[in-house]
Amino acid sequence: MKKLLNVNEILDILGIHENTLYKLCQRDETFPVRKIAGRYKADPDELEAWYKAQPTFIQEHEQKLMQIAKRPGRTPISVTKTLQKMAR
């Protein structure tokens, strides 16, 4: 049996704050954690697969901006410039 990751190891791998981790555990049904004896644990392979399946910030917002730019009657916007402003 593989060693499961504890909360501190999950935080180190994902590079997130502890509060963010607990919010993910509560709100995201696809987040691969198990609560064992009152403590969250994660399988490293499942955690990696979940992480790779998450859309990046740029992908997510680029899709939204492309939909806005394609609307009839609107002047086209520069998606690249808008993404650069959002990243600041």
PDB file of N, CA and C in Angstrom:
ATOM      1  N   MET A   1       0.843  -1.182   0.000  1.00  0.00           N
ATOM      2  CA  MET A   1       0.000   0.000   0.000  1.00  0.00           C
ATOM      3  C   MET A   1       0.890   1.249   0.000  1.00  0.00           C
ATOM      4  N   LYS A   2       0.493   2.223  -0.803  1.00  0.00           N
ATOM      5  CA  LYS A   2       1.232   3.475  -0.910  1.00  0.00           C
ATOM      6  C   LYS A   2       0.997   4.356   0.311  1.00  0.00           C
ATOM      7  N   LYS A   3       2.017   5.150   0.638  1.00  0.00           N
ATOM      8  CA  LYS A   3       1.891   6.111   1.724  1.00  0.00           C
ATOM      9  C   LYS A   3       1.026   7.273   1.240  1.00  0.00           C
ATOM     10  N   LEU A   4       0.032   7.625   2.023  1.00  0.00           N
ATOM     11  CA  LEU A   4      -0.821   8.762   1.702  1.00  0.00           C
ATOM     12  C   LEU A   4      -0.171  10.042   2.208  1.00  0.00           C
ATOM     13  N   LEU A   5      -0.437  11.127   1.503  1.00  0.00           N
ATOM     14  CA  LEU A   5       0.115  12.426   1.877  1.00  0.00           C
ATOM     15  C   LEU A   5      -0.715  13.054   2.988  1.00  0.00           C
ATOM     16  N   ASN A   6      -0.050  13.706   3.924  1.00  0.00           N
ATOM     17  CA  ASN A   6      -0.786  14.437   4.958  1.00  0.00           C
ATOM     18  C   ASN A   6      -1.001  15.877   4.479  1.00  0.00           C
ATOM     19  N   VAL A   7      -1.666  16.671   5.293  1.00  0.00           N
ATOM     20  CA  VAL A   7      -2.016  18.045   4.910  1.00  0.00           C
ATOM     21  C   VAL A   7      -0.783  18.872   4.566  1.00  0.00           C
ATOM     22  N   ASN A   8       0.263  18.795   5.376  1.00  0.00           N
ATOM     23  CA  ASN A   8       1.465  19.596   5.115  1.00  0.00           C
ATOM     24  C   ASN A   8       2.128  19.206   3.800  1.00  0.00           C
ATOM     25  N   GLU A   9       2.139  17.937   3.473  1.00  0.00           N
ATOM     26  CA  GLU A   9       2.726  17.492   2.206  1.00  0.00           C
ATOM     27  C   GLU A   9       1.885  17.952   1.024  1.00  0.00           C
ATOM     28  N   ILE A  10       0.561  17.921   1.178  1.00  0.00           N
ATOM     29  CA  ILE A  10      -0.331  18.404   0.114  1.00  0.00           C
ATOM     30  C   ILE A  10      -0.102  19.897  -0.113  1.00  0.00           C
ATOM     31  N   LEU A  11       0.021  20.651   0.982  1.00  0.00           N
ATOM     32  CA  LEU A  11       0.263  22.094   0.875  1.00  0.00           C
ATOM     33  C   LEU A  11       1.576  22.374   0.154  1.00  0.00           C
ATOM     34  N   ASP A  12       2.615  21.612   0.463  1.00  0.00           N
ATOM     35  CA  ASP A  12       3.915  21.804  -0.189  1.00  0.00           C
ATOM     36  C   ASP A  12       3.831  21.508  -1.685  1.00  0.00           C
ATOM     37  N   ILE A  13       3.133  20.463  -2.044  1.00  0.00           N
ATOM     38  CA  ILE A  13       3.035  20.075  -3.455  1.00  0.00           C
ATOM     39  C   ILE A  13       2.240  21.108  -4.247  1.00  0.00           C
ATOM     40  N   LEU A  14       1.088  21.518  -3.720  1.00  0.00           N
ATOM     41  CA  LEU A  14       0.222  22.452  -4.455  1.00  0.00           C
ATOM     42  C   LEU A  14       0.643  23.905  -4.295  1.00  0.00           C
ATOM     43  N   GLY A  15       1.396  24.212  -3.248  1.00  0.00           N
ATOM     44  CA  GLY A  15       1.832  25.586  -3.029  1.00  0.00           C
ATOM     45  C   GLY A  15       0.685  26.520  -2.686  1.00  0.00           C
ATOM     46  N   ILE A  16      -0.250  26.040  -1.875  1.00  0.00           N
ATOM     47  CA  ILE A  16      -1.404  26.849  -1.495  1.00  0.00           C
ATOM     48  C   ILE A  16      -1.438  27.013   0.021  1.00  0.00           C
ATOM     49  N   HIS A  17      -2.279  27.927   0.481  1.00  0.00           N
ATOM     50  CA  HIS A  17      -2.447  28.176   1.914  1.00  0.00           C
ATOM     51  C   HIS A  17      -3.356  27.093   2.502  1.00  0.00           C
ATOM     52  N   GLU A  18      -3.209  26.852   3.773  1.00  0.00           N
ATOM     53  CA  GLU A  18      -3.987  25.816   4.449  1.00  0.00           C
ATOM     54  C   GLU A  18      -5.496  26.068   4.342  1.00  0.00           C
ATOM     55  N   ASN A  19      -5.915  27.333   4.467  1.00  0.00           N
ATOM     56  CA  ASN A  19      -7.344  27.657   4.341  1.00  0.00           C
ATOM     57  C   ASN A  19      -7.871  27.304   2.958  1.00  0.00           C
ATOM     58  N   THR A  20      -7.067  27.547   1.934  1.00  0.00           N
ATOM     59  CA  THR A  20      -7.466  27.221   0.572  1.00  0.00           C
ATOM     60  C   THR A  20      -7.653  25.716   0.427  1.00  0.00           C
ATOM     61  N   LEU A  21      -6.775  24.944   1.025  1.00  0.00           N
ATOM     62  CA  LEU A  21      -6.886  23.489   0.963  1.00  0.00           C
ATOM     63  C   LEU A  21      -8.202  23.028   1.586  1.00  0.00           C
ATOM     64  N   TYR A  22      -8.530  23.563   2.746  1.00  0.00           N
ATOM     65  CA  TYR A  22      -9.765  23.148   3.404  1.00  0.00           C
ATOM     66  C   TYR A  22     -11.000  23.565   2.606  1.00  0.00           C
ATOM     67  N   LYS A  23     -10.942  24.722   1.948  1.00  0.00           N
ATOM     68  CA  LYS A  23     -12.049  25.133   1.080  1.00  0.00           C
ATOM     69  C   LYS A  23     -12.201  24.172  -0.089  1.00  0.00           C
ATOM     70  N   LEU A  24     -11.063  23.768  -0.681  1.00  0.00           N
ATOM     71  CA  LEU A  24     -11.111  22.791  -1.771  1.00  0.00           C
ATOM     72  C   LEU A  24     -11.734  21.481  -1.297  1.00  0.00           C
ATOM     73  N   CYS A  25     -11.344  21.038  -0.135  1.00  0.00           N
ATOM     74  CA  CYS A  25     -11.871  19.780   0.417  1.00  0.00           C
ATOM     75  C   CYS A  25     -13.383  19.844   0.591  1.00  0.00           C
ATOM     76  N   GLN A  26     -13.892  21.004   0.992  1.00  0.00           N
ATOM     77  CA  GLN A  26     -15.319  21.148   1.242  1.00  0.00           C
ATOM     78  C   GLN A  26     -16.128  21.411  -0.023  1.00  0.00           C
ATOM     79  N   ARG A  27     -15.573  22.173  -0.954  1.00  0.00           N
ATOM     80  CA  ARG A  27     -16.363  22.649  -2.094  1.00  0.00           C
ATOM     81  C   ARG A  27     -16.171  21.878  -3.394  1.00  0.00           C
ATOM     82  N   ASP A  28     -15.005  21.275  -3.591  1.00  0.00           N
ATOM     83  CA  ASP A  28     -14.717  20.600  -4.857  1.00  0.00           C
ATOM     84  C   ASP A  28     -14.863  19.092  -4.689  1.00  0.00           C
ATOM     85  N   GLU A  29     -15.932  18.555  -5.256  1.00  0.00           N
ATOM     86  CA  GLU A  29     -16.191  17.122  -5.127  1.00  0.00           C
ATOM     87  C   GLU A  29     -15.143  16.272  -5.834  1.00  0.00           C
ATOM     88  N   THR A  30     -14.426  16.862  -6.784  1.00  0.00           N
ATOM     89  CA  THR A  30     -13.421  16.097  -7.532  1.00  0.00           C
ATOM     90  C   THR A  30     -12.053  16.128  -6.861  1.00  0.00           C
ATOM     91  N   PHE A  31     -11.892  16.944  -5.821  1.00  0.00           N
ATOM     92  CA  PHE A  31     -10.598  17.037  -5.145  1.00  0.00           C
ATOM     93  C   PHE A  31     -10.312  15.715  -4.430  1.00  0.00           C
ATOM     94  N   PRO A  32      -9.169  15.088  -4.733  1.00  0.00           N
ATOM     95  CA  PRO A  32      -8.911  13.704  -4.292  1.00  0.00           C
ATOM     96  C   PRO A  32      -8.367  13.558  -2.867  1.00  0.00           C
ATOM     97  N   VAL A  33      -9.192  13.869  -1.885  1.00  0.00           N
ATOM     98  CA  VAL A  33      -8.765  13.675  -0.501  1.00  0.00           C
ATOM     99  C   VAL A  33      -9.747  12.748   0.202  1.00  0.00           C
ATOM    100  N   ARG A  34      -9.245  12.136   1.235  1.00  0.00           N
ATOM    101  CA  ARG A  34     -10.063  11.285   2.090  1.00  0.00           C
ATOM    102  C   ARG A  34      -9.875  11.760   3.519  1.00  0.00           C
ATOM    103  N   LYS A  35     -10.923  11.683   4.285  1.00  0.00           N
ATOM    104  CA  LYS A  35     -10.808  12.043   5.691  1.00  0.00           C
ATOM    105  C   LYS A  35     -10.691  10.743   6.478  1.00  0.00           C
ATOM    106  N   ILE A  36      -9.533  10.537   7.057  1.00  0.00           N
ATOM    107  CA  ILE A  36      -9.254   9.320   7.810  1.00  0.00           C
ATOM    108  C   ILE A  36      -8.946   9.721   9.249  1.00  0.00           C
ATOM    109  N   ALA A  37      -9.751   9.219  10.164  1.00  0.00           N
ATOM    110  CA  ALA A  37      -9.602   9.535  11.584  1.00  0.00           C
ATOM    111  C   ALA A  37      -9.540  11.047  11.826  1.00  0.00           C
ATOM    112  N   GLY A  38     -10.389  11.794  11.096  1.00  0.00           N
ATOM    113  CA  GLY A  38     -10.476  13.231  11.286  1.00  0.00           C
ATOM    114  C   GLY A  38      -9.387  14.050  10.618  1.00  0.00           C
ATOM    115  N   ARG A  39      -8.527  13.387   9.839  1.00  0.00           N
ATOM    116  CA  ARG A  39      -7.437  14.096   9.148  1.00  0.00           C
ATOM    117  C   ARG A  39      -7.524  13.830   7.654  1.00  0.00           C
ATOM    118  N   TYR A  40      -7.253  14.890   6.868  1.00  0.00           N
ATOM    119  CA  TYR A  40      -7.276  14.741   5.417  1.00  0.00           C
ATOM    120  C   TYR A  40      -6.005  14.065   4.932  1.00  0.00           C
ATOM    121  N   LYS A  41      -6.180  13.114   4.021  1.00  0.00           N
ATOM    122  CA  LYS A  41      -5.065  12.389   3.400  1.00  0.00           C
ATOM    123  C   LYS A  41      -5.332  12.332   1.899  1.00  0.00           C
ATOM    124  N   ALA A  42      -4.263  12.246   1.100  1.00  0.00           N
ATOM    125  CA  ALA A  42      -4.420  12.181  -0.353  1.00  0.00           C
ATOM    126  C   ALA A  42      -3.424  11.192  -0.946  1.00  0.00           C
ATOM    127  N   ASP A  43      -3.877  10.485  -1.968  1.00  0.00           N
ATOM    128  CA  ASP A  43      -3.007   9.595  -2.729  1.00  0.00           C
ATOM    129  C   ASP A  43      -2.185  10.474  -3.676  1.00  0.00           C
ATOM    130  N   PRO A  44      -0.860  10.336  -3.710  1.00  0.00           N
ATOM    131  CA  PRO A  44      -0.038  11.224  -4.552  1.00  0.00           C
ATOM    132  C   PRO A  44      -0.370  11.131  -6.041  1.00  0.00           C
ATOM    133  N   ASP A  45      -0.683   9.935  -6.531  1.00  0.00           N
ATOM    134  CA  ASP A  45      -1.007   9.790  -7.957  1.00  0.00           C
ATOM    135  C   ASP A  45      -2.338  10.456  -8.297  1.00  0.00           C
ATOM    136  N   GLU A  46      -3.329  10.296  -7.427  1.00  0.00           N
ATOM    137  CA  GLU A  46      -4.629  10.930  -7.653  1.00  0.00           C
ATOM    138  C   GLU A  46      -4.507  12.453  -7.583  1.00  0.00           C
ATOM    139  N   LEU A  47      -3.702  12.931  -6.655  1.00  0.00           N
ATOM    140  CA  LEU A  47      -3.507  14.376  -6.521  1.00  0.00           C
ATOM    141  C   LEU A  47      -2.845  14.956  -7.769  1.00  0.00           C
ATOM    142  N   GLU A  48      -1.858  14.256  -8.300  1.00  0.00           N
ATOM    143  CA  GLU A  48      -1.181  14.712  -9.524  1.00  0.00           C
ATOM    144  C   GLU A  48      -2.138  14.718 -10.708  1.00  0.00           C
ATOM    145  N   ALA A  49      -2.955  13.669 -10.830  1.00  0.00           N
ATOM    146  CA  ALA A  49      -3.918  13.593 -11.933  1.00  0.00           C
ATOM    147  C   ALA A  49      -4.940  14.719 -11.829  1.00  0.00           C
ATOM    148  N   TRP A  50      -5.413  15.012 -10.615  1.00  0.00           N
ATOM    149  CA  TRP A  50      -6.369  16.104 -10.419  1.00  0.00           C
ATOM    150  C   TRP A  50      -5.735  17.434 -10.807  1.00  0.00           C
ATOM    151  N   TYR A  51      -4.498  17.653 -10.369  1.00  0.00           N
ATOM    152  CA  TYR A  51      -3.800  18.904 -10.651  1.00  0.00           C
ATOM    153  C   TYR A  51      -3.643  19.127 -12.151  1.00  0.00           C
ATOM    154  N   LYS A  52      -3.263  18.074 -12.869  1.00  0.00           N
ATOM    155  CA  LYS A  52      -3.066  18.198 -14.315  1.00  0.00           C
ATOM    156  C   LYS A  52      -4.375  18.437 -15.061  1.00  0.00           C
ATOM    157  N   ALA A  53      -5.489  18.009 -14.487  1.00  0.00           N
ATOM    158  CA  ALA A  53      -6.792  18.175 -15.129  1.00  0.00           C
ATOM    159  C   ALA A  53      -7.389  19.563 -14.913  1.00  0.00           C
ATOM    160  N   GLN A  54      -6.792  20.373 -14.026  1.00  0.00           N
ATOM    161  CA  GLN A  54      -7.325  21.698 -13.733  1.00  0.00           C
ATOM    162  C   GLN A  54      -6.946  22.681 -14.827  1.00  0.00           C
ATOM    163  N   PRO A  55      -7.916  23.493 -15.283  1.00  0.00           N
ATOM    164  CA  PRO A  55      -7.583  24.508 -16.291  1.00  0.00           C
ATOM    165  C   PRO A  55      -6.708  25.589 -15.662  1.00  0.00           C
ATOM    166  N   THR A  56      -5.821  26.131 -16.435  1.00  0.00           N
ATOM    167  CA  THR A  56      -4.985  27.204 -15.912  1.00  0.00           C
ATOM    168  C   THR A  56      -5.771  28.508 -15.932  1.00  0.00           C
ATOM    169  N   PHE A  57      -5.297  29.476 -15.213  1.00  0.00           N
ATOM    170  CA  PHE A  57      -5.933  30.787 -15.158  1.00  0.00           C
ATOM    171  C   PHE A  57      -6.041  31.380 -16.557  1.00  0.00           C
ATOM    172  N   ILE A  58      -4.970  31.286 -17.331  1.00  0.00           N
ATOM    173  CA  ILE A  58      -4.947  31.864 -18.675  1.00  0.00           C
ATOM    174  C   ILE A  58      -5.954  31.160 -19.577  1.00  0.00           C
ATOM    175  N   GLN A  59      -5.982  29.826 -19.566  1.00  0.00           N
ATOM    176  CA  GLN A  59      -6.922  29.085 -20.408  1.00  0.00           C
ATOM    177  C   GLN A  59      -8.359  29.465 -20.082  1.00  0.00           C
ATOM    178  N   GLU A  60      -8.667  29.526 -18.805  1.00  0.00           N
ATOM    179  CA  GLU A  60     -10.020  29.830 -18.362  1.00  0.00           C
ATOM    180  C   GLU A  60     -10.465  31.201 -18.858  1.00  0.00           C
ATOM    181  N   HIS A  61      -9.637  32.211 -18.646  1.00  0.00           N
ATOM    182  CA  HIS A  61     -10.020  33.567 -18.995  1.00  0.00           C
ATOM    183  C   HIS A  61      -9.892  33.840 -20.489  1.00  0.00           C
ATOM    184  N   GLU A  62      -8.995  33.154 -21.158  1.00  0.00           N
ATOM    185  CA  GLU A  62      -8.874  33.327 -22.593  1.00  0.00           C
ATOM    186  C   GLU A  62     -10.155  32.860 -23.285  1.00  0.00           C
ATOM    187  N   GLN A  63     -10.725  31.768 -22.832  1.00  0.00           N
ATOM    188  CA  GLN A  63     -11.971  31.266 -23.412  1.00  0.00           C
ATOM    189  C   GLN A  63     -13.098  32.271 -23.218  1.00  0.00           C
ATOM    190  N   LYS A  64     -13.191  32.858 -22.020  1.00  0.00           N
ATOM    191  CA  LYS A  64     -14.231  33.848 -21.758  1.00  0.00           C
ATOM    192  C   LYS A  64     -14.048  35.078 -22.634  1.00  0.00           C
ATOM    193  N   LEU A  65     -12.805  35.530 -22.761  1.00  0.00           N
ATOM    194  CA  LEU A  65     -12.540  36.722 -23.572  1.00  0.00           C
ATOM    195  C   LEU A  65     -12.821  36.476 -25.045  1.00  0.00           C
ATOM    196  N   MET A  66     -12.537  35.295 -25.524  1.00  0.00           N
ATOM    197  CA  MET A  66     -12.803  34.982 -26.928  1.00  0.00           C
ATOM    198  C   MET A  66     -14.303  35.007 -27.194  1.00  0.00           C
ATOM    199  N   GLN A  67     -15.105  34.563 -26.252  1.00  0.00           N
ATOM    200  CA  GLN A  67     -16.557  34.610 -26.411  1.00  0.00           C
ATOM    201  C   GLN A  67     -17.033  36.056 -26.473  1.00  0.00           C
ATOM    202  N   ILE A  68     -16.470  36.903 -25.634  1.00  0.00           N
ATOM    203  CA  ILE A  68     -16.851  38.317 -25.627  1.00  0.00           C
ATOM    204  C   ILE A  68     -16.448  38.972 -26.949  1.00  0.00           C
ATOM    205  N   ALA A  69     -15.241  38.677 -27.424  1.00  0.00           N
ATOM    206  CA  ALA A  69     -14.736  39.304 -28.648  1.00  0.00           C
ATOM    207  C   ALA A  69     -15.547  38.894 -29.869  1.00  0.00           C
ATOM    208  N   LYS A  70     -16.166  37.727 -29.855  1.00  0.00           N
ATOM    209  CA  LYS A  70     -16.908  37.236 -31.019  1.00  0.00           C
ATOM    210  C   LYS A  70     -18.349  37.714 -31.062  1.00  0.00           C
ATOM    211  N   ARG A  71     -18.792  38.404 -30.023  1.00  0.00           N
ATOM    212  CA  ARG A  71     -20.179  38.856 -30.008  1.00  0.00           C
ATOM    213  C   ARG A  71     -20.417  39.868 -31.115  1.00  0.00           C
ATOM    214  N   PRO A  72     -21.508  39.718 -31.847  1.00  0.00           N
ATOM    215  CA  PRO A  72     -21.795  40.660 -32.938  1.00  0.00           C
ATOM    216  C   PRO A  72     -22.067  42.062 -32.392  1.00  0.00           C
ATOM    217  N   GLY A  73     -21.637  43.050 -33.152  1.00  0.00           N
ATOM    218  CA  GLY A  73     -21.886  44.429 -32.778  1.00  0.00           C
ATOM    219  C   GLY A  73     -20.857  45.015 -31.837  1.00  0.00           C
ATOM    220  N   ARG A  74     -19.879  44.213 -31.454  1.00  0.00           N
ATOM    221  CA  ARG A  74     -18.834  44.729 -30.561  1.00  0.00           C
ATOM    222  C   ARG A  74     -17.537  44.833 -31.333  1.00  0.00           C
ATOM    223  N   THR A  75     -16.777  45.834 -31.004  1.00  0.00           N
ATOM    224  CA  THR A  75     -15.477  45.924 -31.640  1.00  0.00           C
ATOM    225  C   THR A  75     -14.574  44.848 -31.054  1.00  0.00           C
ATOM    226  N   PRO A  76     -13.727  44.239 -31.879  1.00  0.00           N
ATOM    227  CA  PRO A  76     -12.845  43.197 -31.360  1.00  0.00           C
ATOM    228  C   PRO A  76     -11.893  43.771 -30.313  1.00  0.00           C
ATOM    229  N   ILE A  77     -11.614  42.975 -29.311  1.00  0.00           N
ATOM    230  CA  ILE A  77     -10.669  43.402 -28.292  1.00  0.00           C
ATOM    231  C   ILE A  77      -9.407  42.562 -28.412  1.00  0.00           C
ATOM    232  N   SER A  78      -8.352  43.090 -27.895  1.00  0.00           N
ATOM    233  CA  SER A  78      -7.101  42.359 -27.908  1.00  0.00           C
ATOM    234  C   SER A  78      -7.077  41.426 -26.701  1.00  0.00           C
ATOM    235  N   VAL A  79      -7.204  40.156 -26.950  1.00  0.00           N
ATOM    236  CA  VAL A  79      -7.217  39.166 -25.879  1.00  0.00           C
ATOM    237  C   VAL A  79      -5.882  39.160 -25.151  1.00  0.00           C
ATOM    238  N   THR A  80      -4.798  39.257 -25.880  1.00  0.00           N
ATOM    239  CA  THR A  80      -3.481  39.211 -25.266  1.00  0.00           C
ATOM    240  C   THR A  80      -3.275  40.379 -24.306  1.00  0.00           C
ATOM    241  N   LYS A  81      -3.633  41.582 -24.722  1.00  0.00           N
ATOM    242  CA  LYS A  81      -3.457  42.755 -23.866  1.00  0.00           C
ATOM    243  C   LYS A  81      -4.332  42.656 -22.621  1.00  0.00           C
ATOM    244  N   THR A  82      -5.547  42.170 -22.787  1.00  0.00           N
ATOM    245  CA  THR A  82      -6.442  42.034 -21.642  1.00  0.00           C
ATOM    246  C   THR A  82      -5.915  41.006 -20.669  1.00  0.00           C
ATOM    247  N   LEU A  83      -5.396  39.887 -21.160  1.00  0.00           N
ATOM    248  CA  LEU A  83      -4.830  38.856 -20.277  1.00  0.00           C
ATOM    249  C   LEU A  83      -3.610  39.397 -19.531  1.00  0.00           C
ATOM    250  N   GLN A  84      -2.802  40.196 -20.204  1.00  0.00           N
ATOM    251  CA  GLN A  84      -1.640  40.773 -19.548  1.00  0.00           C
ATOM    252  C   GLN A  84      -2.078  41.710 -18.415  1.00  0.00           C
ATOM    253  N   LYS A  85      -3.127  42.482 -18.638  1.00  0.00           N
ATOM    254  CA  LYS A  85      -3.622  43.380 -17.597  1.00  0.00           C
ATOM    255  C   LYS A  85      -4.161  42.577 -16.411  1.00  0.00           C
ATOM    256  N   MET A  86      -4.859  41.456 -16.704  1.00  0.00           N
ATOM    257  CA  MET A  86      -5.434  40.638 -15.640  1.00  0.00           C
ATOM    258  C   MET A  86      -4.353  39.955 -14.816  1.00  0.00           C
ATOM    259  N   ALA A  87      -3.223  39.645 -15.428  1.00  0.00           N
ATOM    260  CA  ALA A  87      -2.141  38.941 -14.734  1.00  0.00           C
ATOM    261  C   ALA A  87      -1.386  39.862 -13.777  1.00  0.00           C
ATOM    262  N   ARG A  88      -1.520  41.159 -13.926  1.00  0.00           N
ATOM    263  CA  ARG A  88      -0.795  42.116 -13.075  1.00  0.00           C
ATOM    264  C   ARG A  88      -1.309  42.152 -11.680  1.00  0.00           C
TER     265      ARG A  88
END
